[in-house]
Amino acid sequence: MQVFETYLQTAWGGSWENITIEDVNNAIDEMMKMDDEHGAFWVGLFKTGENVLEMSKDLTLIGVFEDDSESQIIRKGKNRDEAVDLYQLLLSGDIDALKIAFSK
């Protein structure tokens, strides 16, 4: 299994490197306690370029992918479990599967 450089950054001021899905779950828990202005976090993964998935408190998800870093793909998440599944795909480095799941 290939290991990728990852990070998690929060709108409320936290930042971590080499994260796991547990870190994502903890960030979701903390985000839900924040006000709307600070209720967001994003995770980045470096493969051949940077891939970022951002989540807001209202479950809006924004994806920016290495093959088109100037474009944002925005969608409303269905629920927390779906968002965690998307983050799991990101952390696995399977960007193609993430983009397919993100477009559904």
PDB file of N, CA and C in Angstrom:
ATOM      1  N   MET A   1       0.844  -1.179   0.000  1.00  0.00           N
ATOM      2  CA  MET A   1       0.000   0.000   0.000  1.00  0.00           C
ATOM      3  C   MET A   1       0.889   1.243   0.000  1.00  0.00           C
ATOM      4  N   GLN A   2       0.591   2.128  -0.908  1.00  0.00           N
ATOM      5  CA  GLN A   2       1.354   3.366  -1.018  1.00  0.00           C
ATOM      6  C   GLN A   2       0.916   4.356   0.062  1.00  0.00           C
ATOM      7  N   VAL A   3       1.874   5.053   0.649  1.00  0.00           N
ATOM      8  CA  VAL A   3       1.582   6.045   1.686  1.00  0.00           C
ATOM      9  C   VAL A   3       1.723   7.430   1.072  1.00  0.00           C
ATOM     10  N   PHE A   4       0.723   8.263   1.304  1.00  0.00           N
ATOM     11  CA  PHE A   4       0.704   9.619   0.754  1.00  0.00           C
ATOM     12  C   PHE A   4       0.815  10.632   1.886  1.00  0.00           C
ATOM     13  N   GLU A   5       1.378  11.781   1.575  1.00  0.00           N
ATOM     14  CA  GLU A   5       1.428  12.868   2.541  1.00  0.00           C
ATOM     15  C   GLU A   5       0.029  13.472   2.644  1.00  0.00           C
ATOM     16  N   THR A   6      -0.468  13.603   3.873  1.00  0.00           N
ATOM     17  CA  THR A   6      -1.812  14.139   4.102  1.00  0.00           C
ATOM     18  C   THR A   6      -1.776  15.194   5.206  1.00  0.00           C
ATOM     19  N   TYR A   7      -2.813  16.003   5.220  1.00  0.00           N
ATOM     20  CA  TYR A   7      -2.976  16.983   6.297  1.00  0.00           C
ATOM     21  C   TYR A   7      -4.456  17.248   6.510  1.00  0.00           C
ATOM     22  N   LEU A   8      -4.778  17.762   7.683  1.00  0.00           N
ATOM     23  CA  LEU A   8      -6.124  18.200   8.023  1.00  0.00           C
ATOM     24  C   LEU A   8      -5.978  19.579   8.643  1.00  0.00           C
ATOM     25  N   GLN A   9      -6.784  20.513   8.167  1.00  0.00           N
ATOM     26  CA  GLN A   9      -6.768  21.869   8.709  1.00  0.00           C
ATOM     27  C   GLN A   9      -8.199  22.280   8.994  1.00  0.00           C
ATOM     28  N   THR A  10      -8.383  23.010  10.104  1.00  0.00           N
ATOM     29  CA  THR A  10      -9.721  23.415  10.498  1.00  0.00           C
ATOM     30  C   THR A  10      -9.874  24.925  10.426  1.00  0.00           C
ATOM     31  N   ALA A  11     -11.103  25.366  10.243  1.00  0.00           N
ATOM     32  CA  ALA A  11     -11.405  26.798  10.231  1.00  0.00           C
ATOM     33  C   ALA A  11     -11.293  27.386  11.635  1.00  0.00           C
ATOM     34  N   TRP A  12     -11.291  26.531  12.659  1.00  0.00           N
ATOM     35  CA  TRP A  12     -11.177  27.024  14.028  1.00  0.00           C
ATOM     36  C   TRP A  12      -9.737  27.000  14.535  1.00  0.00           C
ATOM     37  N   GLY A  13      -8.782  26.674  13.650  1.00  0.00           N
ATOM     38  CA  GLY A  13      -7.387  26.890  13.992  1.00  0.00           C
ATOM     39  C   GLY A  13      -6.517  25.677  14.226  1.00  0.00           C
ATOM     40  N   GLY A  14      -6.992  24.491  13.998  1.00  0.00           N
ATOM     41  CA  GLY A  14      -6.165  23.304  14.189  1.00  0.00           C
ATOM     42  C   GLY A  14      -5.559  22.823  12.884  1.00  0.00           C
ATOM     43  N   SER A  15      -4.436  22.115  13.004  1.00  0.00           N
ATOM     44  CA  SER A  15      -3.774  21.571  11.824  1.00  0.00           C
ATOM     45  C   SER A  15      -2.995  20.319  12.218  1.00  0.00           C
ATOM     46  N   TRP A  16      -3.143  19.242  11.425  1.00  0.00           N
ATOM     47  CA  TRP A  16      -2.462  17.977  11.689  1.00  0.00           C
ATOM     48  C   TRP A  16      -1.903  17.430  10.383  1.00  0.00           C
ATOM     49  N   GLU A  17      -0.850  16.638  10.477  1.00  0.00           N
ATOM     50  CA  GLU A  17      -0.255  15.983   9.316  1.00  0.00           C
ATOM     51  C   GLU A  17      -0.346  14.473   9.470  1.00  0.00           C
ATOM     52  N   ASN A  18      -0.243  13.787   8.336  1.00  0.00           N
ATOM     53  CA  ASN A  18      -0.264  12.313   8.307  1.00  0.00           C
ATOM     54  C   ASN A  18      -1.468  11.773   9.070  1.00  0.00           C
ATOM     55  N   ILE A  19      -2.639  12.150   8.605  1.00  0.00           N
ATOM     56  CA  ILE A  19      -3.871  11.872   9.346  1.00  0.00           C
ATOM     57  C   ILE A  19      -4.476  10.520   8.983  1.00  0.00           C
ATOM     58  N   THR A  20      -5.427  10.102   9.808  1.00  0.00           N
ATOM     59  CA  THR A  20      -6.186   8.877   9.615  1.00  0.00           C
ATOM     60  C   THR A  20      -7.672   9.227   9.540  1.00  0.00           C
ATOM     61  N   ILE A  21      -8.471   8.241   9.240  1.00  0.00           N
ATOM     62  CA  ILE A  21      -9.922   8.463   9.197  1.00  0.00           C
ATOM     63  C   ILE A  21     -10.447   8.805  10.599  1.00  0.00           C
ATOM     64  N   GLU A  22      -9.771   8.336  11.629  1.00  0.00           N
ATOM     65  CA  GLU A  22     -10.141   8.701  13.005  1.00  0.00           C
ATOM     66  C   GLU A  22     -10.008  10.213  13.218  1.00  0.00           C
ATOM     67  N   ASP A  23      -8.959  10.805  12.657  1.00  0.00           N
ATOM     68  CA  ASP A  23      -8.782  12.256  12.740  1.00  0.00           C
ATOM     69  C   ASP A  23      -9.927  12.984  12.039  1.00  0.00           C
ATOM     70  N   VAL A  24     -10.371  12.450  10.906  1.00  0.00           N
ATOM     71  CA  VAL A  24     -11.491  13.041  10.179  1.00  0.00           C
ATOM     72  C   VAL A  24     -12.760  12.969  11.030  1.00  0.00           C
ATOM     73  N   ASN A  25     -13.016  11.823  11.624  1.00  0.00           N
ATOM     74  CA  ASN A  25     -14.198  11.678  12.485  1.00  0.00           C
ATOM     75  C   ASN A  25     -14.150  12.649  13.656  1.00  0.00           C
ATOM     76  N   ASN A  26     -12.981  12.811  14.257  1.00  0.00           N
ATOM     77  CA  ASN A  26     -12.841  13.774  15.356  1.00  0.00           C
ATOM     78  C   ASN A  26     -13.088  15.201  14.874  1.00  0.00           C
ATOM     79  N   ALA A  27     -12.604  15.527  13.668  1.00  0.00           N
ATOM     80  CA  ALA A  27     -12.823  16.868  13.115  1.00  0.00           C
ATOM     81  C   ALA A  27     -14.311  17.116  12.856  1.00  0.00           C
ATOM     82  N   ILE A  28     -15.020  16.108  12.380  1.00  0.00           N
ATOM     83  CA  ILE A  28     -16.463  16.252  12.162  1.00  0.00           C
ATOM     84  C   ILE A  28     -17.160  16.519  13.494  1.00  0.00           C
ATOM     85  N   ASP A  29     -16.801  15.759  14.526  1.00  0.00           N
ATOM     86  CA  ASP A  29     -17.396  15.970  15.851  1.00  0.00           C
ATOM     87  C   ASP A  29     -17.168  17.396  16.331  1.00  0.00           C
ATOM     88  N   GLU A  30     -15.943  17.869  16.223  1.00  0.00           N
ATOM     89  CA  GLU A  30     -15.613  19.224  16.668  1.00  0.00           C
ATOM     90  C   GLU A  30     -16.304  20.287  15.818  1.00  0.00           C
ATOM     91  N   MET A  31     -16.346  20.053  14.503  1.00  0.00           N
ATOM     92  CA  MET A  31     -16.969  21.009  13.589  1.00  0.00           C
ATOM     93  C   MET A  31     -18.434  21.236  13.951  1.00  0.00           C
ATOM     94  N   MET A  32     -19.129  20.180  14.321  1.00  0.00           N
ATOM     95  CA  MET A  32     -20.548  20.298  14.637  1.00  0.00           C
ATOM     96  C   MET A  32     -20.793  21.158  15.875  1.00  0.00           C
ATOM     97  N   LYS A  33     -19.763  21.355  16.699  1.00  0.00           N
ATOM     98  CA  LYS A  33     -19.883  22.195  17.888  1.00  0.00           C
ATOM     99  C   LYS A  33     -19.591  23.673  17.589  1.00  0.00           C
ATOM    100  N   MET A  34     -19.042  23.947  16.417  1.00  0.00           N
ATOM    101  CA  MET A  34     -18.605  25.303  16.080  1.00  0.00           C
ATOM    102  C   MET A  34     -19.759  26.143  15.534  1.00  0.00           C
ATOM    103  N   ASP A  35     -19.556  27.473  15.543  1.00  0.00           N
ATOM    104  CA  ASP A  35     -20.510  28.350  14.878  1.00  0.00           C
ATOM    105  C   ASP A  35     -20.343  28.194  13.365  1.00  0.00           C
ATOM    106  N   ASP A  36     -21.259  28.769  12.612  1.00  0.00           N
ATOM    107  CA  ASP A  36     -21.235  28.585  11.160  1.00  0.00           C
ATOM    108  C   ASP A  36     -19.969  29.148  10.522  1.00  0.00           C
ATOM    109  N   GLU A  37     -19.443  30.237  11.056  1.00  0.00           N
ATOM    110  CA  GLU A  37     -18.247  30.858  10.479  1.00  0.00           C
ATOM    111  C   GLU A  37     -17.029  29.947  10.596  1.00  0.00           C
ATOM    112  N   HIS A  38     -16.931  29.202  11.679  1.00  0.00           N
ATOM    113  CA  HIS A  38     -15.766  28.353  11.920  1.00  0.00           C
ATOM    114  C   HIS A  38     -16.069  26.875  11.711  1.00  0.00           C
ATOM    115  N   GLY A  39     -17.253  26.557  11.228  1.00  0.00           N
ATOM    116  CA  GLY A  39     -17.681  25.173  11.073  1.00  0.00           C
ATOM    117  C   GLY A  39     -17.281  24.569   9.744  1.00  0.00           C
ATOM    118  N   ALA A  40     -15.977  24.406   9.545  1.00  0.00           N
ATOM    119  CA  ALA A  40     -15.483  23.769   8.314  1.00  0.00           C
ATOM    120  C   ALA A  40     -14.086  23.216   8.571  1.00  0.00           C
ATOM    121  N   PHE A  41     -13.719  22.220   7.781  1.00  0.00           N
ATOM    122  CA  PHE A  41     -12.362  21.702   7.787  1.00  0.00           C
ATOM    123  C   PHE A  41     -12.066  21.123   6.422  1.00  0.00           C
ATOM    124  N   TRP A  42     -10.798  20.926   6.131  1.00  0.00           N
ATOM    125  CA  TRP A  42     -10.414  20.344   4.855  1.00  0.00           C
ATOM    126  C   TRP A  42      -9.242  19.402   5.054  1.00  0.00           C
ATOM    127  N   VAL A  43      -9.213  18.419   4.178  1.00  0.00           N
ATOM    128  CA  VAL A  43      -8.154  17.415   4.185  1.00  0.00           C
ATOM    129  C   VAL A  43      -7.482  17.452   2.825  1.00  0.00           C
ATOM    130  N   GLY A  44      -6.172  17.433   2.840  1.00  0.00           N
ATOM    131  CA  GLY A  44      -5.409  17.406   1.607  1.00  0.00           C
ATOM    132  C   GLY A  44      -4.561  16.154   1.516  1.00  0.00           C
ATOM    133  N   LEU A  45      -4.368  15.695   0.298  1.00  0.00           N
ATOM    134  CA  LEU A  45      -3.510  14.549   0.019  1.00  0.00           C
ATOM    135  C   LEU A  45      -2.659  14.896  -1.190  1.00  0.00           C
ATOM    136  N   PHE A  46      -1.369  14.673  -1.068  1.00  0.00           N
ATOM    137  CA  PHE A  46      -0.446  14.909  -2.172  1.00  0.00           C
ATOM    138  C   PHE A  46      -0.141  13.583  -2.854  1.00  0.00           C
ATOM    139  N   LYS A  47      -0.499  13.500  -4.127  1.00  0.00           N
ATOM    140  CA  LYS A  47      -0.203  12.312  -4.930  1.00  0.00           C
ATOM    141  C   LYS A  47       0.784  12.783  -5.997  1.00  0.00           C
ATOM    142  N   THR A  48       0.322  13.101  -7.203  1.00  0.00           N
ATOM    143  CA  THR A  48       1.185  13.786  -8.169  1.00  0.00           C
ATOM    144  C   THR A  48       1.008  15.288  -8.040  1.00  0.00           C
ATOM    145  N   GLY A  49      -0.058  15.680  -7.385  1.00  0.00           N
ATOM    146  CA  GLY A  49      -0.384  17.065  -7.053  1.00  0.00           C
ATOM    147  C   GLY A  49      -1.253  17.038  -5.816  1.00  0.00           C
ATOM    148  N   GLU A  50      -1.798  18.181  -5.466  1.00  0.00           N
ATOM    149  CA  GLU A  50      -2.614  18.261  -4.257  1.00  0.00           C
ATOM    150  C   GLU A  50      -4.084  17.999  -4.574  1.00  0.00           C
ATOM    151  N   ASN A  51      -4.717  17.199  -3.740  1.00  0.00           N
ATOM    152  CA  ASN A  51      -6.144  16.905  -3.796  1.00  0.00           C
ATOM    153  C   ASN A  51      -6.736  17.316  -2.460  1.00  0.00           C
ATOM    154  N   VAL A  52      -7.832  18.083  -2.483  1.00  0.00           N
ATOM    155  CA  VAL A  52      -8.405  18.620  -1.249  1.00  0.00           C
ATOM    156  C   VAL A  52      -9.903  18.338  -1.224  1.00  0.00           C
ATOM    157  N   LEU A  53     -10.376  17.932  -0.068  1.00  0.00           N
ATOM    158  CA  LEU A  53     -11.803  17.760   0.170  1.00  0.00           C
ATOM    159  C   LEU A  53     -12.161  18.562   1.416  1.00  0.00           C
ATOM    160  N   GLU A  54     -13.058  19.532   1.237  1.00  0.00           N
ATOM    161  CA  GLU A  54     -13.493  20.411   2.328  1.00  0.00           C
ATOM    162  C   GLU A  54     -14.934  20.085   2.691  1.00  0.00           C
ATOM    163  N   MET A  55     -15.227  20.175   3.976  1.00  0.00           N
ATOM    164  CA  MET A  55     -16.584  19.921   4.454  1.00  0.00           C
ATOM    165  C   MET A  55     -17.002  21.056   5.374  1.00  0.00           C
ATOM    166  N   SER A  56     -18.228  21.546   5.169  1.00  0.00           N
ATOM    167  CA  SER A  56     -18.811  22.565   6.034  1.00  0.00           C
ATOM    168  C   SER A  56     -19.837  21.921   6.949  1.00  0.00           C
ATOM    169  N   LYS A  57     -20.180  22.637   7.970  1.00  0.00           N
ATOM    170  CA  LYS A  57     -21.121  22.156   8.986  1.00  0.00           C
ATOM    171  C   LYS A  57     -22.460  21.722   8.388  1.00  0.00           C
ATOM    172  N   ASP A  58     -22.880  22.368   7.299  1.00  0.00           N
ATOM    173  CA  ASP A  58     -24.153  22.009   6.655  1.00  0.00           C
ATOM    174  C   ASP A  58     -24.004  20.844   5.679  1.00  0.00           C
ATOM    175  N   LEU A  59     -22.859  20.153   5.709  1.00  0.00           N
ATOM    176  CA  LEU A  59     -22.523  18.991   4.881  1.00  0.00           C
ATOM    177  C   LEU A  59     -22.229  19.348   3.420  1.00  0.00           C
ATOM    178  N   THR A  60     -22.005  20.621   3.135  1.00  0.00           N
ATOM    179  CA  THR A  60     -21.530  20.989   1.806  1.00  0.00           C
ATOM    180  C   THR A  60     -20.102  20.498   1.672  1.00  0.00           C
ATOM    181  N   LEU A  61     -19.826  19.839   0.549  1.00  0.00           N
ATOM    182  CA  LEU A  61     -18.503  19.300   0.276  1.00  0.00           C
ATOM    183  C   LEU A  61     -17.932  19.987  -0.957  1.00  0.00           C
ATOM    184  N   ILE A  62     -16.667  20.341  -0.886  1.00  0.00           N
ATOM    185  CA  ILE A  62     -15.974  20.960  -2.010  1.00  0.00           C
ATOM    186  C   ILE A  62     -14.739  20.119  -2.307  1.00  0.00           C
ATOM    187  N   GLY A  63     -14.615  19.685  -3.546  1.00  0.00           N
ATOM    188  CA  GLY A  63     -13.455  18.911  -3.964  1.00  0.00           C
ATOM    189  C   GLY A  63     -12.624  19.682  -4.968  1.00  0.00           C
ATOM    190  N   VAL A  64     -11.313  19.653  -4.786  1.00  0.00           N
ATOM    191  CA  VAL A  64     -10.358  20.220  -5.736  1.00  0.00           C
ATOM    192  C   VAL A  64      -9.333  19.123  -5.997  1.00  0.00           C
ATOM    193  N   PHE A  65      -9.164  18.775  -7.273  1.00  0.00           N
ATOM    194  CA  PHE A  65      -8.338  17.624  -7.610  1.00  0.00           C
ATOM    195  C   PHE A  65      -7.135  18.013  -8.462  1.00  0.00           C
ATOM    196  N   GLU A  66      -6.071  17.230  -8.323  1.00  0.00           N
ATOM    197  CA  GLU A  66      -4.780  17.542  -8.925  1.00  0.00           C
ATOM    198  C   GLU A  66      -4.829  17.719 -10.439  1.00  0.00           C
ATOM    199  N   ASP A  67      -5.741  17.066 -11.112  1.00  0.00           N
ATOM    200  CA  ASP A  67      -5.776  17.158 -12.575  1.00  0.00           C
ATOM    201  C   ASP A  67      -6.449  18.440 -13.074  1.00  0.00           C
ATOM    202  N   ASP A  68      -7.117  19.186 -12.176  1.00  0.00           N
ATOM    203  CA  ASP A  68      -7.732  20.459 -12.542  1.00  0.00           C
ATOM    204  C   ASP A  68      -7.847  21.315 -11.283  1.00  0.00           C
ATOM    205  N   SER A  69      -6.712  21.765 -10.793  1.00  0.00           N
ATOM    206  CA  SER A  69      -6.671  22.453  -9.499  1.00  0.00           C
ATOM    207  C   SER A  69      -7.328  23.829  -9.510  1.00  0.00           C
ATOM    208  N   GLU A  70      -7.699  24.312 -10.685  1.00  0.00           N
ATOM    209  CA  GLU A  70      -8.377  25.608 -10.770  1.00  0.00           C
ATOM    210  C   GLU A  70      -9.889  25.490 -10.618  1.00  0.00           C
ATOM    211  N   SER A  71     -10.404  24.260 -10.645  1.00  0.00           N
ATOM    212  CA  SER A  71     -11.854  24.035 -10.574  1.00  0.00           C
ATOM    213  C   SER A  71     -12.245  23.436  -9.238  1.00  0.00           C
ATOM    214  N   GLN A  72     -13.411  23.830  -8.768  1.00  0.00           N
ATOM    215  CA  GLN A  72     -13.990  23.257  -7.561  1.00  0.00           C
ATOM    216  C   GLN A  72     -15.244  22.493  -7.937  1.00  0.00           C
ATOM    217  N   ILE A  73     -15.404  21.317  -7.361  1.00  0.00           N
ATOM    218  CA  ILE A  73     -16.634  20.552  -7.515  1.00  0.00           C
ATOM    219  C   ILE A  73     -17.357  20.661  -6.179  1.00  0.00           C
ATOM    220  N   ILE A  74     -18.584  21.146  -6.226  1.00  0.00           N
ATOM    221  CA  ILE A  74     -19.342  21.389  -4.997  1.00  0.00           C
ATOM    222  C   ILE A  74     -20.579  20.508  -5.004  1.00  0.00           C
ATOM    223  N   ARG A  75     -20.843  19.889  -3.863  1.00  0.00           N
ATOM    224  CA  ARG A  75     -22.070  19.113  -3.720  1.00  0.00           C
ATOM    225  C   ARG A  75     -22.508  19.106  -2.274  1.00  0.00           C
ATOM    226  N   LYS A  76     -23.755  18.866  -2.075  1.00  0.00           N
ATOM    227  CA  LYS A  76     -24.325  18.760  -0.728  1.00  0.00           C
ATOM    228  C   LYS A  76     -24.282  17.293  -0.325  1.00  0.00           C
ATOM    229  N   GLY A  77     -23.651  17.023   0.803  1.00  0.00           N
ATOM    230  CA  GLY A  77     -23.580  15.657   1.298  1.00  0.00           C
ATOM    231  C   GLY A  77     -24.926  15.184   1.814  1.00  0.00           C
ATOM    232  N   LYS A  78     -25.158  13.879   1.736  1.00  0.00           N
ATOM    233  CA  LYS A  78     -26.419  13.312   2.210  1.00  0.00           C
ATOM    234  C   LYS A  78     -26.422  13.162   3.724  1.00  0.00           C
ATOM    235  N   ASN A  79     -25.281  12.712   4.267  1.00  0.00           N
ATOM    236  CA  ASN A  79     -25.169  12.498   5.704  1.00  0.00           C
ATOM    237  C   ASN A  79     -23.701  12.335   6.078  1.00  0.00           C
ATOM    238  N   ARG A  80     -23.459  12.216   7.346  1.00  0.00           N
ATOM    239  CA  ARG A  80     -22.090  12.088   7.840  1.00  0.00           C
ATOM    240  C   ARG A  80     -21.393  10.848   7.289  1.00  0.00           C
ATOM    241  N   ASP A  81     -22.096   9.717   7.261  1.00  0.00           N
ATOM    242  CA  ASP A  81     -21.480   8.474   6.789  1.00  0.00           C
ATOM    243  C   ASP A  81     -20.985   8.603   5.358  1.00  0.00           C
ATOM    244  N   GLU A  82     -21.767   9.251   4.518  1.00  0.00           N
ATOM    245  CA  GLU A  82     -21.344   9.455   3.132  1.00  0.00           C
ATOM    246  C   GLU A  82     -20.071  10.305   3.089  1.00  0.00           C
ATOM    247  N   ALA A  83     -20.032  11.356   3.888  1.00  0.00           N
ATOM    248  CA  ALA A  83     -18.848  12.223   3.922  1.00  0.00           C
ATOM    249  C   ALA A  83     -17.621  11.436   4.383  1.00  0.00           C
ATOM    250  N   VAL A  84     -17.771  10.620   5.411  1.00  0.00           N
ATOM    251  CA  VAL A  84     -16.648   9.809   5.901  1.00  0.00           C
ATOM    252  C   VAL A  84     -16.173   8.852   4.808  1.00  0.00           C
ATOM    253  N   ASP A  85     -17.108   8.268   4.070  1.00  0.00           N
ATOM    254  CA  ASP A  85     -16.733   7.376   2.954  1.00  0.00           C
ATOM    255  C   ASP A  85     -15.910   8.129   1.910  1.00  0.00           C
ATOM    256  N   LEU A  86     -16.294   9.360   1.606  1.00  0.00           N
ATOM    257  CA  LEU A  86     -15.540  10.162   0.638  1.00  0.00           C
ATOM    258  C   LEU A  86     -14.143  10.483   1.154  1.00  0.00           C
ATOM    259  N   TYR A  87     -14.046  10.816   2.430  1.00  0.00           N
ATOM    260  CA  TYR A  87     -12.727  11.072   3.016  1.00  0.00           C
ATOM    261  C   TYR A  87     -11.870   9.806   3.027  1.00  0.00           C
ATOM    262  N   GLN A  88     -12.496   8.659   3.237  1.00  0.00           N
ATOM    263  CA  GLN A  88     -11.753   7.394   3.209  1.00  0.00           C
ATOM    264  C   GLN A  88     -11.159   7.152   1.819  1.00  0.00           C
ATOM    265  N   LEU A  89     -11.935   7.439   0.784  1.00  0.00           N
ATOM    266  CA  LEU A  89     -11.413   7.310  -0.582  1.00  0.00           C
ATOM    267  C   LEU A  89     -10.243   8.264  -0.805  1.00  0.00           C
ATOM    268  N   LEU A  90     -10.379   9.491  -0.325  1.00  0.00           N
ATOM    269  CA  LEU A  90      -9.280  10.450  -0.460  1.00  0.00           C
ATOM    270  C   LEU A  90      -8.030   9.924   0.234  1.00  0.00           C
ATOM    271  N   LEU A  91      -8.163   9.501   1.473  1.00  0.00           N
ATOM    272  CA  LEU A  91      -7.000   9.048   2.237  1.00  0.00           C
ATOM    273  C   LEU A  91      -6.365   7.790   1.658  1.00  0.00           C
ATOM    274  N   SER A  92      -7.147   6.993   0.932  1.00  0.00           N
ATOM    275  CA  SER A  92      -6.593   5.793   0.286  1.00  0.00           C
ATOM    276  C   SER A  92      -5.805   6.144  -0.967  1.00  0.00           C
ATOM    277  N   GLY A  93      -5.964   7.379  -1.453  1.00  0.00           N
ATOM    278  CA  GLY A  93      -5.269   7.805  -2.670  1.00  0.00           C
ATOM    279  C   GLY A  93      -5.995   7.436  -3.945  1.00  0.00           C
ATOM    280  N   ASP A  94      -7.198   6.869  -3.835  1.00  0.00           N
ATOM    281  CA  ASP A  94      -7.960   6.467  -5.027  1.00  0.00           C
ATOM    282  C   ASP A  94      -8.785   7.666  -5.511  1.00  0.00           C
ATOM    283  N   ILE A  95      -8.102   8.592  -6.149  1.00  0.00           N
ATOM    284  CA  ILE A  95      -8.723   9.855  -6.569  1.00  0.00           C
ATOM    285  C   ILE A  95      -9.773   9.619  -7.649  1.00  0.00           C
ATOM    286  N   ASP A  96      -9.538   8.671  -8.550  1.00  0.00           N
ATOM    287  CA  ASP A  96     -10.536   8.383  -9.592  1.00  0.00           C
ATOM    288  C   ASP A  96     -11.845   7.896  -8.970  1.00  0.00           C
ATOM    289  N   ALA A  97     -11.755   6.986  -8.005  1.00  0.00           N
ATOM    290  CA  ALA A  97     -12.969   6.486  -7.329  1.00  0.00           C
ATOM    291  C   ALA A  97     -13.632   7.612  -6.541  1.00  0.00           C
ATOM    292  N   LEU A  98     -12.830   8.475  -5.937  1.00  0.00           N
ATOM    293  CA  LEU A  98     -13.381   9.610  -5.190  1.00  0.00           C
ATOM    294  C   LEU A  98     -14.155  10.540  -6.119  1.00  0.00           C
ATOM    295  N   LYS A  99     -13.595  10.839  -7.281  1.00  0.00           N
ATOM    296  CA  LYS A  99     -14.297  11.726  -8.214  1.00  0.00           C
ATOM    297  C   LYS A  99     -15.588  11.115  -8.716  1.00  0.00           C
ATOM    298  N   ILE A 100     -15.598   9.810  -8.940  1.00  0.00           N
ATOM    299  CA  ILE A 100     -16.828   9.130  -9.365  1.00  0.00           C
ATOM    300  C   ILE A 100     -17.868   9.206  -8.250  1.00  0.00           C
ATOM    301  N   ALA A 101     -17.474   8.870  -7.021  1.00  0.00           N
ATOM    302  CA  ALA A 101     -18.405   8.914  -5.886  1.00  0.00           C
ATOM    303  C   ALA A 101     -18.864  10.347  -5.616  1.00  0.00           C
ATOM    304  N   PHE A 102     -17.985  11.296  -5.805  1.00  0.00           N
ATOM    305  CA  PHE A 102     -18.307  12.698  -5.545  1.00  0.00           C
ATOM    306  C   PHE A 102     -19.342  13.221  -6.537  1.00  0.00           C
ATOM    307  N   SER A 103     -19.355  12.670  -7.732  1.00  0.00           N
ATOM    308  CA  SER A 103     -20.274  13.169  -8.770  1.00  0.00           C
ATOM    309  C   SER A 103     -21.658  12.524  -8.674  1.00  0.00           C
ATOM    310  N   LYS A 104     -21.853  11.572  -7.780  1.00  0.00           N
ATOM    311  CA  LYS A 104     -23.164  10.900  -7.659  1.00  0.00           C
ATOM    312  C   LYS A 104     -24.129  11.738  -6.857  1.00  0.00           C
TER     313      LYS A 104
END
